[in-house]
PDB file of all heavy atoms in Angstrom:
ATOM      1  N   VAL A   1     152.094  48.171-272.436  1.00  0.00           N
ATOM      2  CA  VAL A   1     151.129  49.121-271.881  1.00  0.00           C
ATOM      3  C   VAL A   1     151.954  50.208-271.198  1.00  0.00           C
ATOM      4  O   VAL A   1     152.816  49.945-270.362  1.00  0.00           O
ATOM      5  CB  VAL A   1     150.187  48.459-270.851  1.00  0.00           C
ATOM      6  CG1 VAL A   1     149.219  49.501-270.277  1.00  0.00           C
ATOM      7  CG2 VAL A   1     149.411  47.319-271.512  1.00  0.00           C
ATOM      8  N   VAL A   2     151.676  51.487-271.559  1.00  0.00           N
ATOM      9  CA  VAL A   2     152.456  52.610-271.046  1.00  0.00           C
ATOM     10  C   VAL A   2     151.529  53.627-270.369  1.00  0.00           C
ATOM     11  O   VAL A   2     150.316  53.607-270.569  1.00  0.00           O
ATOM     12  CB  VAL A   2     153.249  53.312-272.180  1.00  0.00           C
ATOM     13  CG1 VAL A   2     154.348  52.368-272.717  1.00  0.00           C
ATOM     14  CG2 VAL A   2     152.308  53.709-273.313  1.00  0.00           C
ATOM     15  N   PRO A   3     152.104  54.509-269.550  1.00  0.00           N
ATOM     16  CA  PRO A   3     151.264  55.531-268.904  1.00  0.00           C
ATOM     17  C   PRO A   3     150.614  56.438-269.946  1.00  0.00           C
ATOM     18  O   PRO A   3     151.118  56.606-271.049  1.00  0.00           O
ATOM     19  CB  PRO A   3     152.282  56.311-268.054  1.00  0.00           C
ATOM     20  CG  PRO A   3     153.439  55.414-267.900  1.00  0.00           C
ATOM     21  CD  PRO A   3     153.511  54.583-269.130  1.00  0.00           C
ATOM     22  N   PRO A   4     149.499  57.061-269.594  1.00  0.00           N
ATOM     23  CA  PRO A   4     148.841  57.953-270.539  1.00  0.00           C
ATOM     24  C   PRO A   4     149.654  59.153-270.926  1.00  0.00           C
ATOM     25  O   PRO A   4     149.438  59.793-271.972  1.00  0.00           O
ATOM     26  CB  PRO A   4     147.558  58.387-269.801  1.00  0.00           C
ATOM     27  CG  PRO A   4     147.822  58.091-268.349  1.00  0.00           C
ATOM     28  CD  PRO A   4     148.749  56.926-268.324  1.00  0.00           C
ATOM     29  N   GLU A   5     150.682  59.490-270.119  1.00  0.00           N
ATOM     30  CA  GLU A   5     151.558  60.613-270.415  1.00  0.00           C
ATOM     31  C   GLU A   5     152.579  60.296-271.517  1.00  0.00           C
ATOM     32  O   GLU A   5     153.194  61.158-272.109  1.00  0.00           O
ATOM     33  CB  GLU A   5     152.315  61.072-269.172  1.00  0.00           C
ATOM     34  CG  GLU A   5     151.437  61.574-268.046  1.00  0.00           C
ATOM     35  CD  GLU A   5     150.809  60.482-267.223  1.00  0.00           C
ATOM     36  OE1 GLU A   5     151.281  59.327-267.358  1.00  0.00           O
ATOM     37  OE2 GLU A   5     149.847  60.745-266.497  1.00  0.00           O
ATOM     38  N   PHE A   6     152.747  58.994-271.804  1.00  0.00           N
ATOM     39  CA  PHE A   6     153.730  58.593-272.799  1.00  0.00           C
ATOM     40  C   PHE A   6     153.276  59.037-274.196  1.00  0.00           C
ATOM     41  O   PHE A   6     152.102  58.856-274.544  1.00  0.00           O
ATOM     42  CB  PHE A   6     153.912  57.065-272.818  1.00  0.00           C
ATOM     43  CG  PHE A   6     154.817  56.592-273.934  1.00  0.00           C
ATOM     44  CD1 PHE A   6     156.205  56.551-273.782  1.00  0.00           C
ATOM     45  CD2 PHE A   6     154.268  56.205-275.134  1.00  0.00           C
ATOM     46  CE1 PHE A   6     157.008  56.130-274.814  1.00  0.00           C
ATOM     47  CE2 PHE A   6     155.086  55.771-276.188  1.00  0.00           C
ATOM     48  CZ  PHE A   6     156.470  55.743-276.023  1.00  0.00           C
ATOM     49  N   HIS A   7     154.186  59.599-274.960  1.00  0.00           N
ATOM     50  CA  HIS A   7     153.881  59.975-276.355  1.00  0.00           C
ATOM     51  C   HIS A   7     155.087  59.523-277.187  1.00  0.00           C
ATOM     52  O   HIS A   7     156.253  59.851-276.894  1.00  0.00           O
ATOM     53  CB  HIS A   7     153.703  61.478-276.483  1.00  0.00           C
ATOM     54  CG  HIS A   7     153.096  61.910-277.785  1.00  0.00           C
ATOM     55  ND1 HIS A   7     153.841  61.921-278.950  1.00  0.00           N
ATOM     56  CD2 HIS A   7     151.839  62.320-278.116  1.00  0.00           C
ATOM     57  CE1 HIS A   7     153.049  62.354-279.941  1.00  0.00           C
ATOM     58  NE2 HIS A   7     151.848  62.589-279.467  1.00  0.00           N
ATOM     59  N   SER A   8     154.813  58.750-278.238  1.00  0.00           N
ATOM     60  CA  SER A   8     155.896  58.169-279.024  1.00  0.00           C
ATOM     61  C   SER A   8     156.835  59.214-279.603  1.00  0.00           C
ATOM     62  O   SER A   8     158.033  58.972-279.756  1.00  0.00           O
ATOM     63  CB  SER A   8     155.333  57.297-280.146  1.00  0.00           C
ATOM     64  OG  SER A   8     154.433  58.041-280.964  1.00  0.00           O
ATOM     65  N   ARG A   9     156.297  60.377-279.899  1.00  0.00           N
ATOM     66  CA  ARG A   9     157.136  61.439-280.450  1.00  0.00           C
ATOM     67  C   ARG A   9     157.723  62.331-279.365  1.00  0.00           C
ATOM     68  O   ARG A   9     158.944  62.552-279.274  1.00  0.00           O
ATOM     69  CB  ARG A   9     156.363  62.272-281.448  1.00  0.00           C
ATOM     70  CG  ARG A   9     157.194  63.423-282.035  1.00  0.00           C
ATOM     71  CD  ARG A   9     156.391  64.234-283.015  1.00  0.00           C
ATOM     72  NE  ARG A   9     157.102  65.434-283.396  1.00  0.00           N
ATOM     73  CZ  ARG A   9     156.552  66.504-283.963  1.00  0.00           C
ATOM     74  NH1 ARG A   9     155.257  66.497-284.200  1.00  0.00           N
ATOM     75  NH2 ARG A   9     157.258  67.543-284.256  1.00  0.00           N
ATOM     76  N   PHE A  10     156.876  62.866-278.506  1.00  0.00           N
ATOM     77  CA  PHE A  10     157.302  63.897-277.566  1.00  0.00           C
ATOM     78  C   PHE A  10     158.043  63.348-276.346  1.00  0.00           C
ATOM     79  O   PHE A  10     158.729  64.057-275.647  1.00  0.00           O
ATOM     80  CB  PHE A  10     156.115  64.763-277.129  1.00  0.00           C
ATOM     81  CG  PHE A  10     155.498  65.483-278.280  1.00  0.00           C
ATOM     82  CD1 PHE A  10     154.177  65.262-278.623  1.00  0.00           C
ATOM     83  CD2 PHE A  10     156.243  66.391-279.035  1.00  0.00           C
ATOM     84  CE1 PHE A  10     153.588  65.948-279.685  1.00  0.00           C
ATOM     85  CE2 PHE A  10     155.669  67.061-280.101  1.00  0.00           C
ATOM     86  CZ  PHE A  10     154.345  66.844-280.422  1.00  0.00           C
ATOM     87  N   SER A  11     157.881  62.029-276.087  1.00  0.00           N
ATOM     88  CA  SER A  11     158.620  61.428-274.983  1.00  0.00           C
ATOM     89  C   SER A  11     159.996  60.889-275.425  1.00  0.00           C
ATOM     90  O   SER A  11     160.785  60.443-274.625  1.00  0.00           O
ATOM     91  CB  SER A  11     157.835  60.281-274.365  1.00  0.00           C
ATOM     92  OG  SER A  11     156.627  60.758-273.779  1.00  0.00           O
ATOM     93  N   ALA A  12     160.256  60.938-276.721  1.00  0.00           N
ATOM     94  CA  ALA A  12     161.554  60.469-277.234  1.00  0.00           C
ATOM     95  C   ALA A  12     162.653  61.467-276.882  1.00  0.00           C
ATOM     96  O   ALA A  12     162.522  62.650-277.079  1.00  0.00           O
ATOM     97  CB  ALA A  12     161.477  60.286-278.754  1.00  0.00           C
ATOM     98  N   THR A  13     163.746  60.926-276.338  1.00  0.00           N
ATOM     99  CA  THR A  13     164.869  61.782-275.946  1.00  0.00           C
ATOM    100  C   THR A  13     166.051  61.652-276.897  1.00  0.00           C
ATOM    101  O   THR A  13     166.846  62.585-277.043  1.00  0.00           O
ATOM    102  CB  THR A  13     165.346  61.442-274.533  1.00  0.00           C
ATOM    103  OG1 THR A  13     165.688  60.059-274.462  1.00  0.00           O
ATOM    104  CG2 THR A  13     164.261  61.751-273.519  1.00  0.00           C
ATOM    105  N   SER A  14     166.179  60.490-277.544  1.00  0.00           N
ATOM    106  CA  SER A  14     167.240  60.340-278.563  1.00  0.00           C
ATOM    107  C   SER A  14     166.932  59.160-279.468  1.00  0.00           C
ATOM    108  O   SER A  14     166.124  58.283-279.091  1.00  0.00           O
ATOM    109  CB  SER A  14     168.622  60.200-277.942  1.00  0.00           C
ATOM    110  OG  SER A  14     168.742  58.967-277.303  1.00  0.00           O
ATOM    111  N   LYS A  15     167.560  59.144-280.609  1.00  0.00           N
ATOM    112  CA  LYS A  15     167.375  58.061-281.577  1.00  0.00           C
ATOM    113  C   LYS A  15     168.739  57.616-282.107  1.00  0.00           C
ATOM    114  O   LYS A  15     169.661  58.400-282.204  1.00  0.00           O
ATOM    115  CB  LYS A  15     166.487  58.525-282.753  1.00  0.00           C
ATOM    116  CG  LYS A  15     165.136  59.051-282.322  1.00  0.00           C
ATOM    117  CD  LYS A  15     164.359  59.604-283.501  1.00  0.00           C
ATOM    118  CE  LYS A  15     163.024  60.169-283.056  1.00  0.00           C
ATOM    119  NZ  LYS A  15     163.192  61.423-282.302  1.00  0.00           N
ATOM    120  N   VAL A  16     168.813  56.362-282.479  1.00  0.00           N
ATOM    121  CA  VAL A  16     170.038  55.797-283.092  1.00  0.00           C
ATOM    122  C   VAL A  16     169.690  55.306-284.479  1.00  0.00           C
ATOM    123  O   VAL A  16     168.813  54.474-284.671  1.00  0.00           O
ATOM    124  CB  VAL A  16     170.610  54.645-282.258  1.00  0.00           C
ATOM    125  CG1 VAL A  16     171.828  54.029-282.950  1.00  0.00           C
ATOM    126  CG2 VAL A  16     170.991  55.122-280.854  1.00  0.00           C
ATOM    127  N   TYR A  17     170.407  55.849-285.461  1.00  0.00           N
ATOM    128  CA  TYR A  17     170.339  55.386-286.843  1.00  0.00           C
ATOM    129  C   TYR A  17     171.628  54.676-287.220  1.00  0.00           C
ATOM    130  O   TYR A  17     172.702  55.066-286.752  1.00  0.00           O
ATOM    131  CB  TYR A  17     170.092  56.550-287.799  1.00  0.00           C
ATOM    132  CG  TYR A  17     168.665  57.054-287.808  1.00  0.00           C
ATOM    133  CD1 TYR A  17     168.277  58.060-286.959  1.00  0.00           C
ATOM    134  CD2 TYR A  17     167.731  56.471-288.654  1.00  0.00           C
ATOM    135  CE1 TYR A  17     166.965  58.521-286.963  1.00  0.00           C
ATOM    136  CE2 TYR A  17     166.427  56.929-288.668  1.00  0.00           C
ATOM    137  CZ  TYR A  17     166.043  57.938-287.832  1.00  0.00           C
ATOM    138  OH  TYR A  17     164.741  58.387-287.851  1.00  0.00           O
ATOM    139  N   ALA A  18     171.511  53.675-288.082  1.00  0.00           N
ATOM    140  CA  ALA A  18     172.689  52.962-288.566  1.00  0.00           C
ATOM    141  C   ALA A  18     172.702  53.045-290.094  1.00  0.00           C
ATOM    142  O   ALA A  18     171.672  52.946-290.759  1.00  0.00           O
ATOM    143  CB  ALA A  18     172.658  51.505-288.132  1.00  0.00           C
ATOM    144  N   TYR A  19     173.912  53.259-290.620  1.00  0.00           N
ATOM    145  CA  TYR A  19     174.065  53.259-292.083  1.00  0.00           C
ATOM    146  C   TYR A  19     175.142  52.280-292.445  1.00  0.00           C
ATOM    147  O   TYR A  19     176.250  52.315-291.887  1.00  0.00           O
ATOM    148  CB  TYR A  19     174.406  54.654-292.612  1.00  0.00           C
ATOM    149  CG  TYR A  19     174.173  54.762-294.106  1.00  0.00           C
ATOM    150  CD1 TYR A  19     173.007  55.330-294.607  1.00  0.00           C
ATOM    151  CD2 TYR A  19     175.078  54.229-295.010  1.00  0.00           C
ATOM    152  CE1 TYR A  19     172.739  55.370-295.957  1.00  0.00           C
ATOM    153  CE2 TYR A  19     174.818  54.290-296.398  1.00  0.00           C
ATOM    154  CZ  TYR A  19     173.661  54.856-296.848  1.00  0.00           C
ATOM    155  OH  TYR A  19     173.391  54.917-298.196  1.00  0.00           O
ATOM    156  N   THR A  20     174.854  51.380-293.399  1.00  0.00           N
ATOM    157  CA  THR A  20     175.761  50.299-293.752  1.00  0.00           C
ATOM    158  C   THR A  20     176.366  50.494-295.129  1.00  0.00           C
ATOM    159  O   THR A  20     175.641  50.701-296.108  1.00  0.00           O
ATOM    160  CB  THR A  20     175.052  48.928-293.698  1.00  0.00           C
ATOM    161  OG1 THR A  20     174.462  48.738-292.404  1.00  0.00           O
ATOM    162  CG2 THR A  20     176.026  47.787-293.974  1.00  0.00           C
ATOM    163  N   ILE A  21     177.681  50.444-295.173  1.00  0.00           N
ATOM    164  CA  ILE A  21     178.417  50.563-296.434  1.00  0.00           C
ATOM    165  C   ILE A  21     179.086  49.232-296.776  1.00  0.00           C
ATOM    166  O   ILE A  21     179.723  48.584-295.913  1.00  0.00           O
ATOM    167  CB  ILE A  21     179.464  51.703-296.345  1.00  0.00           C
ATOM    168  CG1 ILE A  21     178.768  53.042-296.298  1.00  0.00           C
ATOM    169  CG2 ILE A  21     180.437  51.656-297.545  1.00  0.00           C
ATOM    170  CD1 ILE A  21     179.691  54.238-296.213  1.00  0.00           C
ATOM    171  N   TRP A  22     178.937  48.830-298.019  1.00  0.00           N
ATOM    172  CA  TRP A  22     179.520  47.583-298.547  1.00  0.00           C
ATOM    173  C   TRP A  22     180.805  47.927-299.288  1.00  0.00           C
ATOM    174  O   TRP A  22     180.792  48.747-300.196  1.00  0.00           O
ATOM    175  CB  TRP A  22     178.512  46.929-299.484  1.00  0.00           C
ATOM    176  CG  TRP A  22     178.985  45.646-300.111  1.00  0.00           C
ATOM    177  CD1 TRP A  22     179.729  45.505-301.230  1.00  0.00           C
ATOM    178  CD2 TRP A  22     178.715  44.309-299.631  1.00  0.00           C
ATOM    179  NE1 TRP A  22     179.948  44.183-301.504  1.00  0.00           N
ATOM    180  CE2 TRP A  22     179.325  43.425-300.531  1.00  0.00           C
ATOM    181  CE3 TRP A  22     177.996  43.822-298.551  1.00  0.00           C
ATOM    182  CZ2 TRP A  22     179.267  42.037-300.363  1.00  0.00           C
ATOM    183  CZ3 TRP A  22     177.930  42.442-298.395  1.00  0.00           C
ATOM    184  CH2 TRP A  22     178.558  41.577-299.280  1.00  0.00           C
ATOM    185  N   SER A  23     181.912  47.288-298.917  1.00  0.00           N
ATOM    186  CA  SER A  23     183.239  47.707-299.418  1.00  0.00           C
ATOM    187  C   SER A  23     183.764  46.913-300.610  1.00  0.00           C
ATOM    188  O   SER A  23     184.719  47.316-301.238  1.00  0.00           O
ATOM    189  CB  SER A  23     184.273  47.611-298.298  1.00  0.00           C
ATOM    190  OG  SER A  23     184.419  46.264-297.841  1.00  0.00           O
ATOM    191  N   GLU A  24     183.131  45.773-300.932  1.00  0.00           N
ATOM    192  CA  GLU A  24     183.613  44.963-302.064  1.00  0.00           C
ATOM    193  C   GLU A  24     182.961  45.444-303.356  1.00  0.00           C
ATOM    194  O   GLU A  24     181.737  45.432-303.506  1.00  0.00           O
ATOM    195  CB  GLU A  24     183.262  43.501-301.810  1.00  0.00           C
ATOM    196  CG  GLU A  24     183.591  42.536-302.974  1.00  0.00           C
ATOM    197  CD  GLU A  24     185.021  42.638-303.444  1.00  0.00           C
ATOM    198  OE1 GLU A  24     185.941  42.388-302.634  1.00  0.00           O
ATOM    199  OE2 GLU A  24     185.237  43.000-304.626  1.00  0.00           O
ATOM    200  N   LEU A  25     183.782  45.856-304.313  1.00  0.00           N
ATOM    201  CA  LEU A  25     183.278  46.449-305.553  1.00  0.00           C
ATOM    202  C   LEU A  25     182.795  45.411-306.568  1.00  0.00           C
ATOM    203  O   LEU A  25     181.934  45.673-307.385  1.00  0.00           O
ATOM    204  CB  LEU A  25     184.368  47.326-306.169  1.00  0.00           C
ATOM    205  CG  LEU A  25     183.915  48.217-307.333  1.00  0.00           C
ATOM    206  CD1 LEU A  25     182.803  49.162-306.915  1.00  0.00           C
ATOM    207  CD2 LEU A  25     185.107  49.005-307.899  1.00  0.00           C
ATOM    208  N   GLU A  26     183.346  44.181-306.512  1.00  0.00           N
ATOM    209  CA  GLU A  26     183.066  43.227-307.565  1.00  0.00           C
ATOM    210  C   GLU A  26     181.777  42.442-307.382  1.00  0.00           C
ATOM    211  O   GLU A  26     181.247  41.842-308.304  1.00  0.00           O
ATOM    212  CB  GLU A  26     184.232  42.233-307.684  1.00  0.00           C
ATOM    213  CG  GLU A  26     185.522  42.915-308.118  1.00  0.00           C
ATOM    214  CD  GLU A  26     186.649  41.916-308.352  1.00  0.00           C
ATOM    215  OE1 GLU A  26     186.417  40.697-308.147  1.00  0.00           O
ATOM    216  OE2 GLU A  26     187.751  42.352-308.752  1.00  0.00           O
TER     217      GLU A  26
END
């Protein structure tokens, strides 16, 4: 439960994305 001022988009200050690379070719 969050305050009515909270907005999932406009209250966001930063985001973390992860990208995974697989190194074994076989």
